[in-house]
Amino acid sequence: DAFAAYLADGDLPPTRSSLPNFTEPTRSYIAALALLGT
């Protein structure tokens, strides 16, 4: 729905997350490490 307002007024959409799109199994390995703390 925000696209029409963007075209009419130049309103910018909300900023997207900067987190990368991890592929498997990298995502699972990082998630497993997160269980051990920061």
All heavy atoms as atom14 arrays in JSON, in Angstrom:
{
  "sequence": "DAFAAYLADGDLPPTRSSLPNFTEPTRSYIAALALLGT",
  "atom14_mask": [
    [1, 1, 1, 1, 1, 1, 1, 1, 0, 0, 0, 0, 0, 0],
    [1, 1, 1, 1, 1, 0, 0, 0, 0, 0, 0, 0, 0, 0],
    [1, 1, 1, 1, 1, 1, 1, 1, 1, 1, 1, 0, 0, 0],
    [1, 1, 1, 1, 1, 0, 0, 0, 0, 0, 0, 0, 0, 0],
    [1, 1, 1, 1, 1, 0, 0, 0, 0, 0, 0, 0, 0, 0],
    [1, 1, 1, 1, 1, 1, 1, 1, 1, 1, 1, 1, 0, 0],
    [1, 1, 1, 1, 1, 1, 1, 1, 0, 0, 0, 0, 0, 0],
    [1, 1, 1, 1, 1, 0, 0, 0, 0, 0, 0, 0, 0, 0],
    [1, 1, 1, 1, 1, 1, 1, 1, 0, 0, 0, 0, 0, 0],
    [1, 1, 1, 1, 0, 0, 0, 0, 0, 0, 0, 0, 0, 0],
    [1, 1, 1, 1, 1, 1, 1, 1, 0, 0, 0, 0, 0, 0],
    [1, 1, 1, 1, 1, 1, 1, 1, 0, 0, 0, 0, 0, 0],
    [1, 1, 1, 1, 1, 1, 1, 0, 0, 0, 0, 0, 0, 0],
    [1, 1, 1, 1, 1, 1, 1, 0, 0, 0, 0, 0, 0, 0],
    [1, 1, 1, 1, 1, 1, 1, 0, 0, 0, 0, 0, 0, 0],
    [1, 1, 1, 1, 1, 1, 1, 1, 1, 1, 1, 0, 0, 0],
    [1, 1, 1, 1, 1, 1, 0, 0, 0, 0, 0, 0, 0, 0],
    [1, 1, 1, 1, 1, 1, 0, 0, 0, 0, 0, 0, 0, 0],
    [1, 1, 1, 1, 1, 1, 1, 1, 0, 0, 0, 0, 0, 0],
    [1, 1, 1, 1, 1, 1, 1, 0, 0, 0, 0, 0, 0, 0],
    [1, 1, 1, 1, 1, 1, 1, 1, 0, 0, 0, 0, 0, 0],
    [1, 1, 1, 1, 1, 1, 1, 1, 1, 1, 1, 0, 0, 0],
    [1, 1, 1, 1, 1, 1, 1, 0, 0, 0, 0, 0, 0, 0],
    [1, 1, 1, 1, 1, 1, 1, 1, 1, 0, 0, 0, 0, 0],
    [1, 1, 1, 1, 1, 1, 1, 0, 0, 0, 0, 0, 0, 0],
    [1, 1, 1, 1, 1, 1, 1, 0, 0, 0, 0, 0, 0, 0],
    [1, 1, 1, 1, 1, 1, 1, 1, 1, 1, 1, 0, 0, 0],
    [1, 1, 1, 1, 1, 1, 0, 0, 0, 0, 0, 0, 0, 0],
    [1, 1, 1, 1, 1, 1, 1, 1, 1, 1, 1, 1, 0, 0],
    [1, 1, 1, 1, 1, 1, 1, 1, 0, 0, 0, 0, 0, 0],
    [1, 1, 1, 1, 1, 0, 0, 0, 0, 0, 0, 0, 0, 0],
    [1, 1, 1, 1, 1, 0, 0, 0, 0, 0, 0, 0, 0, 0],
    [1, 1, 1, 1, 1, 1, 1, 1, 0, 0, 0, 0, 0, 0],
    [1, 1, 1, 1, 1, 0, 0, 0, 0, 0, 0, 0, 0, 0],
    [1, 1, 1, 1, 1, 1, 1, 1, 0, 0, 0, 0, 0, 0],
    [1, 1, 1, 1, 1, 1, 1, 1, 0, 0, 0, 0, 0, 0],
    [1, 1, 1, 1, 0, 0, 0, 0, 0, 0, 0, 0, 0, 0],
    [1, 1, 1, 1, 1, 1, 1, 0, 0, 0, 0, 0, 0, 0]
  ],
  "atom14_positions": [
    [[0.83, -1.21, 0.0], [0.0, 0.0, 0.0], [0.86, 1.26, 0.0], [0.41, 2.32, -0.43], [-0.92, 0.0, 1.23], [-1.97, -1.12, 1.17], [-2.26, -1.58, 0.05], [-2.46, -1.52, 2.23], [0.0, 0.0, 0.0], [0.0, 0.0, 0.0], [0.0, 0.0, 0.0], [0.0, 0.0, 0.0], [0.0, 0.0, 0.0], [0.0, 0.0, 0.0]],
    [[2.09, 1.16, 0.48], [2.96, 2.33, 0.57], [3.48, 2.79, -0.79], [3.97, 3.91, -0.92], [4.15, 2.03, 1.49], [0.0, 0.0, 0.0], [0.0, 0.0, 0.0], [0.0, 0.0, 0.0], [0.0, 0.0, 0.0], [0.0, 0.0, 0.0], [0.0, 0.0, 0.0], [0.0, 0.0, 0.0], [0.0, 0.0, 0.0], [0.0, 0.0, 0.0]],
    [[3.38, 1.94, -1.81], [3.95, 2.27, -3.11], [3.25, 3.46, -3.75], [3.9, 4.34, -4.33], [3.88, 1.05, -4.02], [4.47, 1.28, -5.39], [5.8, 1.65, -5.54], [3.7, 1.12, -6.53], [6.35, 1.85, -6.8], [4.23, 1.32, -7.79], [5.56, 1.69, -7.93], [0.0, 0.0, 0.0], [0.0, 0.0, 0.0], [0.0, 0.0, 0.0]],
    [[1.93, 3.54, -3.65], [1.2, 4.65, -4.26], [1.61, 5.98, -3.62], [1.79, 6.99, -4.32], [-0.31, 4.43, -4.12], [0.0, 0.0, 0.0], [0.0, 0.0, 0.0], [0.0, 0.0, 0.0], [0.0, 0.0, 0.0], [0.0, 0.0, 0.0], [0.0, 0.0, 0.0], [0.0, 0.0, 0.0], [0.0, 0.0, 0.0], [0.0, 0.0, 0.0]],
    [[1.77, 5.99, -2.29], [2.2, 7.22, -1.61], [3.62, 7.6, -2.02], [3.93, 8.79, -2.15], [2.11, 7.03, -0.1], [0.0, 0.0, 0.0], [0.0, 0.0, 0.0], [0.0, 0.0, 0.0], [0.0, 0.0, 0.0], [0.0, 0.0, 0.0], [0.0, 0.0, 0.0], [0.0, 0.0, 0.0], [0.0, 0.0, 0.0], [0.0, 0.0, 0.0]],
    [[4.44, 6.61, -2.22], [5.82, 6.86, -2.66], [5.82, 7.55, -4.03], [6.55, 8.52, -4.26], [6.58, 5.55, -2.71], [7.81, 5.56, -3.59], [9.0, 6.14, -3.15], [7.78, 4.99, -4.87], [10.13, 6.14, -3.96], [8.9, 5.0, -5.67], [10.08, 5.57, -5.22], [11.19, 5.58, -6.03], [0.0, 0.0, 0.0], [0.0, 0.0, 0.0]],
    [[5.0, 7.05, -4.96], [4.95, 7.66, -6.29], [4.38, 9.07, -6.25], [4.84, 9.97, -6.96], [4.11, 6.79, -7.23], [4.71, 5.46, -7.68], [3.71, 4.73, -8.57], [6.02, 5.67, -8.42], [0.0, 0.0, 0.0], [0.0, 0.0, 0.0], [0.0, 0.0, 0.0], [0.0, 0.0, 0.0], [0.0, 0.0, 0.0], [0.0, 0.0, 0.0]],
    [[3.37, 9.27, -5.4], [2.69, 10.57, -5.36], [3.5, 11.63, -4.62], [3.57, 12.79, -5.06], [1.32, 10.4, -4.7], [0.0, 0.0, 0.0], [0.0, 0.0, 0.0], [0.0, 0.0, 0.0], [0.0, 0.0, 0.0], [0.0, 0.0, 0.0], [0.0, 0.0, 0.0], [0.0, 0.0, 0.0], [0.0, 0.0, 0.0], [0.0, 0.0, 0.0]],
    [[4.14, 11.24, -3.52], [4.78, 12.23, -2.65], [6.27, 12.02, -2.45], [6.93, 12.84, -1.8], [4.1, 12.24, -1.28], [2.59, 12.41, -1.38], [2.16, 13.25, -2.19], [1.87, 11.7, -0.67], [0.0, 0.0, 0.0], [0.0, 0.0, 0.0], [0.0, 0.0, 0.0], [0.0, 0.0, 0.0], [0.0, 0.0, 0.0], [0.0, 0.0, 0.0]],
    [[6.8, 10.92, -2.95], [8.22, 10.64, -2.73], [8.51, 10.11, -1.35], [9.67, 10.15, -0.9], [0.0, 0.0, 0.0], [0.0, 0.0, 0.0], [0.0, 0.0, 0.0], [0.0, 0.0, 0.0], [0.0, 0.0, 0.0], [0.0, 0.0, 0.0], [0.0, 0.0, 0.0], [0.0, 0.0, 0.0], [0.0, 0.0, 0.0], [0.0, 0.0, 0.0]],
    [[7.49, 9.61, -0.63], [7.71, 9.08, 0.72], [8.54, 7.8, 0.65], [8.22, 6.88, -0.11], [6.37, 8.76, 1.4], [5.56, 10.02, 1.68], [6.17, 11.1, 1.71], [4.34, 9.91, 1.86], [0.0, 0.0, 0.0], [0.0, 0.0, 0.0], [0.0, 0.0, 0.0], [0.0, 0.0, 0.0], [0.0, 0.0, 0.0], [0.0, 0.0, 0.0]],
    [[9.61, 7.76, 1.44], [10.48, 6.59, 1.44], [9.86, 5.46, 2.25], [9.23, 5.71, 3.29], [11.84, 6.95, 2.02], [12.66, 7.98, 1.24], [13.97, 8.25, 1.96], [12.94, 7.49, -0.16], [0.0, 0.0, 0.0], [0.0, 0.0, 0.0], [0.0, 0.0, 0.0], [0.0, 0.0, 0.0], [0.0, 0.0, 0.0], [0.0, 0.0, 0.0]],
    [[10.03, 4.22, 1.81], [9.52, 3.08, 2.58], [10.38, 2.87, 3.82], [11.5, 3.39, 3.91], [9.66, 1.91, 1.61], [10.8, 2.3, 0.73], [10.7, 3.8, 0.57], [0.0, 0.0, 0.0], [0.0, 0.0, 0.0], [0.0, 0.0, 0.0], [0.0, 0.0, 0.0], [0.0, 0.0, 0.0], [0.0, 0.0, 0.0], [0.0, 0.0, 0.0]],
    [[9.9, 2.1, 4.8], [10.71, 1.82, 5.99], [12.02, 1.14, 5.61], [12.1, 0.39, 4.64], [9.81, 0.87, 6.81], [8.42, 1.11, 6.29], [8.58, 1.48, 4.86], [0.0, 0.0, 0.0], [0.0, 0.0, 0.0], [0.0, 0.0, 0.0], [0.0, 0.0, 0.0], [0.0, 0.0, 0.0], [0.0, 0.0, 0.0], [0.0, 0.0, 0.0]],
    [[13.07, 1.41, 6.39], [14.37, 0.82, 6.13], [14.32, -0.69, 6.38], [13.81, -1.15, 7.39], [15.44, 1.44, 7.06], [15.45, 2.86, 6.84], [16.81, 0.86, 6.77], [0.0, 0.0, 0.0], [0.0, 0.0, 0.0], [0.0, 0.0, 0.0], [0.0, 0.0, 0.0], [0.0, 0.0, 0.0], [0.0, 0.0, 0.0], [0.0, 0.0, 0.0]],
    [[14.85, -1.44, 5.41], [14.88, -2.89, 5.54], [16.01, -3.31, 6.47], [16.97, -2.59, 6.68], [15.09, -3.53, 4.16], [13.96, -3.29, 3.2], [14.31, -3.82, 1.83], [14.58, -5.24, 1.86], [13.66, -6.18, 1.7], [12.41, -5.83, 1.47], [13.97, -7.45, 1.73], [0.0, 0.0, 0.0], [0.0, 0.0, 0.0], [0.0, 0.0, 0.0]],
    [[15.87, -4.5, 7.02], [16.92, -5.04, 7.88], [18.22, -5.18, 7.1], [18.23, -5.55, 5.93], [16.48, -6.41, 8.42], [17.56, -7.03, 9.06], [0.0, 0.0, 0.0], [0.0, 0.0, 0.0], [0.0, 0.0, 0.0], [0.0, 0.0, 0.0], [0.0, 0.0, 0.0], [0.0, 0.0, 0.0], [0.0, 0.0, 0.0], [0.0, 0.0, 0.0]],
    [[19.33, -4.85, 7.76], [20.63, -4.95, 7.12], [21.26, -6.32, 7.31], [22.38, -6.56, 6.85], [21.57, -3.89, 7.68], [21.74, -4.07, 9.08], [0.0, 0.0, 0.0], [0.0, 0.0, 0.0], [0.0, 0.0, 0.0], [0.0, 0.0, 0.0], [0.0, 0.0, 0.0], [0.0, 0.0, 0.0], [0.0, 0.0, 0.0], [0.0, 0.0, 0.0]],
    [[20.58, -7.24, 8.01], [21.15, -8.56, 8.23], [21.23, -9.32, 6.91], [20.32, -9.25, 6.1], [20.28, -9.35, 9.22], [20.28, -8.85, 10.65], [19.36, -9.71, 11.5], [21.68, -8.85, 11.24], [0.0, 0.0, 0.0], [0.0, 0.0, 0.0], [0.0, 0.0, 0.0], [0.0, 0.0, 0.0], [0.0, 0.0, 0.0], [0.0, 0.0, 0.0]],
    [[22.33, -10.03, 6.69], [22.46, -10.77, 5.43], [21.51, -11.95, 5.37], [21.02, -12.44, 6.4], [23.92, -11.24, 5.46], [24.27, -11.28, 6.91], [23.5, -10.16, 7.56], [0.0, 0.0, 0.0], [0.0, 0.0, 0.0], [0.0, 0.0, 0.0], [0.0, 0.0, 0.0], [0.0, 0.0, 0.0], [0.0, 0.0, 0.0], [0.0, 0.0, 0.0]],
    [[21.25, -12.41, 4.16], [20.39, -13.56, 3.96], [21.25, -14.82, 3.95], [21.74, -15.25, 2.91], [19.63, -13.41, 2.63], [18.66, -14.55, 2.4], [18.24, -15.21, 3.35], [18.34, -14.8, 1.15], [0.0, 0.0, 0.0], [0.0, 0.0, 0.0], [0.0, 0.0, 0.0], [0.0, 0.0, 0.0], [0.0, 0.0, 0.0], [0.0, 0.0, 0.0]],
    [[21.47, -15.4, 5.13], [22.35, -16.56, 5.24], [21.73, -17.78, 4.57], [20.52, -17.99, 4.63], [22.62, -16.9, 6.71], [23.41, -15.85, 7.44], [22.88, -15.2, 8.53], [24.68, -15.53, 7.03], [23.59, -14.24, 9.21], [25.43, -14.58, 7.71], [24.88, -13.93, 8.79], [0.0, 0.0, 0.0], [0.0, 0.0, 0.0], [0.0, 0.0, 0.0]],
    [[22.57, -18.59, 3.94], [22.14, -19.86, 3.4], [22.54, -20.98, 4.35], [23.39, -20.81, 5.21], [22.77, -20.11, 2.02], [24.2, -20.07, 2.16], [22.33, -19.05, 1.02], [0.0, 0.0, 0.0], [0.0, 0.0, 0.0], [0.0, 0.0, 0.0], [0.0, 0.0, 0.0], [0.0, 0.0, 0.0], [0.0, 0.0, 0.0], [0.0, 0.0, 0.0]],
    [[21.9, -22.11, 4.18], [22.26, -23.27, 5.0], [23.52, -23.92, 4.44], [23.77, -23.88, 3.25], [21.11, -24.28, 5.01], [19.87, -23.8, 5.74], [20.1, -23.65, 7.24], [21.17, -24.06, 7.73], [19.2, -23.12, 7.9], [0.0, 0.0, 0.0], [0.0, 0.0, 0.0], [0.0, 0.0, 0.0], [0.0, 0.0, 0.0], [0.0, 0.0, 0.0]],
    [[24.4, -24.49, 5.31], [24.18, -24.65, 6.76], [24.74, -23.49, 7.6], [24.74, -23.59, 8.82], [24.94, -25.93, 7.06], [26.11, -25.88, 6.13], [25.58, -25.27, 4.86], [0.0, 0.0, 0.0], [0.0, 0.0, 0.0], [0.0, 0.0, 0.0], [0.0, 0.0, 0.0], [0.0, 0.0, 0.0], [0.0, 0.0, 0.0], [0.0, 0.0, 0.0]],
    [[25.22, -22.41, 6.95], [25.8, -21.29, 7.71], [24.81, -20.76, 8.75], [25.17, -20.49, 9.9], [26.21, -20.16, 6.76], [27.16, -20.66, 5.82], [26.8, -18.99, 7.53], [0.0, 0.0, 0.0], [0.0, 0.0, 0.0], [0.0, 0.0, 0.0], [0.0, 0.0, 0.0], [0.0, 0.0, 0.0], [0.0, 0.0, 0.0], [0.0, 0.0, 0.0]],
    [[23.53, -20.61, 8.34], [22.52, -20.08, 9.27], [22.43, -20.95, 10.52], [22.39, -20.45, 11.65], [21.17, -20.01, 8.56], [20.05, -19.46, 9.46], [18.67, -19.63, 8.84], [18.54, -18.89, 7.59], [18.43, -19.45, 6.39], [18.46, -20.78, 6.28], [18.32, -18.72, 5.31], [0.0, 0.0, 0.0], [0.0, 0.0, 0.0], [0.0, 0.0, 0.0]],
    [[22.41, -22.27, 10.33], [22.26, -23.17, 11.47], [23.48, -23.17, 12.37], [23.38, -23.24, 13.6], [21.98, -24.59, 10.96], [20.74, -24.65, 10.29], [0.0, 0.0, 0.0], [0.0, 0.0, 0.0], [0.0, 0.0, 0.0], [0.0, 0.0, 0.0], [0.0, 0.0, 0.0], [0.0, 0.0, 0.0], [0.0, 0.0, 0.0], [0.0, 0.0, 0.0]],
    [[24.68, -23.07, 11.76], [25.9, -23.04, 12.57], [25.94, -21.78, 13.44], [26.3, -21.83, 14.62], [27.12, -23.09, 11.67], [27.35, -24.44, 11.01], [27.82, -24.51, 9.7], [27.13, -25.63, 11.7], [28.03, -25.75, 9.09], [27.33, -26.85, 11.1], [27.79, -26.92, 9.79], [28.01, -28.13, 9.2], [0.0, 0.0, 0.0], [0.0, 0.0, 0.0]],
    [[25.6, -20.64, 12.87], [25.61, -19.39, 13.63], [24.54, -19.44, 14.73], [24.75, -18.99, 15.86], [25.4, -18.19, 12.71], [26.61, -18.03, 11.78], [25.17, -16.91, 13.5], [26.46, -16.92, 10.76], [0.0, 0.0, 0.0], [0.0, 0.0, 0.0], [0.0, 0.0, 0.0], [0.0, 0.0, 0.0], [0.0, 0.0, 0.0], [0.0, 0.0, 0.0]],
    [[23.37, -20.0, 14.39], [22.31, -20.12, 15.39], [22.75, -21.03, 16.54], [22.45, -20.76, 17.71], [21.04, -20.66, 14.73], [0.0, 0.0, 0.0], [0.0, 0.0, 0.0], [0.0, 0.0, 0.0], [0.0, 0.0, 0.0], [0.0, 0.0, 0.0], [0.0, 0.0, 0.0], [0.0, 0.0, 0.0], [0.0, 0.0, 0.0], [0.0, 0.0, 0.0]],
    [[23.46, -22.1, 16.2], [23.94, -23.01, 17.25], [24.94, -22.3, 18.17], [24.88, -22.44, 19.4], [24.59, -24.24, 16.61], [0.0, 0.0, 0.0], [0.0, 0.0, 0.0], [0.0, 0.0, 0.0], [0.0, 0.0, 0.0], [0.0, 0.0, 0.0], [0.0, 0.0, 0.0], [0.0, 0.0, 0.0], [0.0, 0.0, 0.0], [0.0, 0.0, 0.0]],
    [[25.85, -21.51, 17.58], [26.81, -20.77, 18.4], [26.1, -19.79, 19.33], [26.54, -19.56, 20.46], [27.79, -20.02, 17.51], [28.87, -20.85, 16.81], [29.72, -19.95, 15.93], [29.74, -21.56, 17.85], [0.0, 0.0, 0.0], [0.0, 0.0, 0.0], [0.0, 0.0, 0.0], [0.0, 0.0, 0.0], [0.0, 0.0, 0.0], [0.0, 0.0, 0.0]],
    [[25.01, -19.2, 18.84], [24.3, -18.2, 19.65], [23.76, -18.8, 20.95], [23.55, -18.09, 21.94], [23.15, -17.6, 18.84], [0.0, 0.0, 0.0], [0.0, 0.0, 0.0], [0.0, 0.0, 0.0], [0.0, 0.0, 0.0], [0.0, 0.0, 0.0], [0.0, 0.0, 0.0], [0.0, 0.0, 0.0], [0.0, 0.0, 0.0], [0.0, 0.0, 0.0]],
    [[23.55, -20.11, 20.95], [23.07, -20.77, 22.17], [24.11, -20.72, 23.29], [23.77, -20.85, 24.47], [22.72, -22.23, 21.88], [21.59, -22.47, 20.87], [21.45, -23.96, 20.58], [20.28, -21.91, 21.41], [0.0, 0.0, 0.0], [0.0, 0.0, 0.0], [0.0, 0.0, 0.0], [0.0, 0.0, 0.0], [0.0, 0.0, 0.0], [0.0, 0.0, 0.0]],
    [[25.38, -20.51, 22.92], [26.45, -20.5, 23.92], [26.7, -19.11, 24.48], [27.52, -18.96, 25.39], [27.74, -21.04, 23.3], [27.67, -22.46, 22.72], [29.03, -22.88, 22.18], [27.17, -23.45, 23.77], [0.0, 0.0, 0.0], [0.0, 0.0, 0.0], [0.0, 0.0, 0.0], [0.0, 0.0, 0.0], [0.0, 0.0, 0.0], [0.0, 0.0, 0.0]],
    [[26.06, -18.09, 23.93], [26.26, -16.74, 24.43], [26.79, -15.81, 23.37], [26.93, -16.19, 22.19], [0.0, 0.0, 0.0], [0.0, 0.0, 0.0], [0.0, 0.0, 0.0], [0.0, 0.0, 0.0], [0.0, 0.0, 0.0], [0.0, 0.0, 0.0], [0.0, 0.0, 0.0], [0.0, 0.0, 0.0], [0.0, 0.0, 0.0], [0.0, 0.0, 0.0]],
    [[27.12, -14.58, 23.76], [27.58, -13.58, 22.8], [29.09, -13.53, 22.68], [29.62, -12.94, 21.72], [27.07, -12.18, 23.21], [27.53, -11.9, 24.54], [25.55, -12.13, 23.16], [0.0, 0.0, 0.0], [0.0, 0.0, 0.0], [0.0, 0.0, 0.0], [0.0, 0.0, 0.0], [0.0, 0.0, 0.0], [0.0, 0.0, 0.0], [0.0, 0.0, 0.0]]
  ]
}
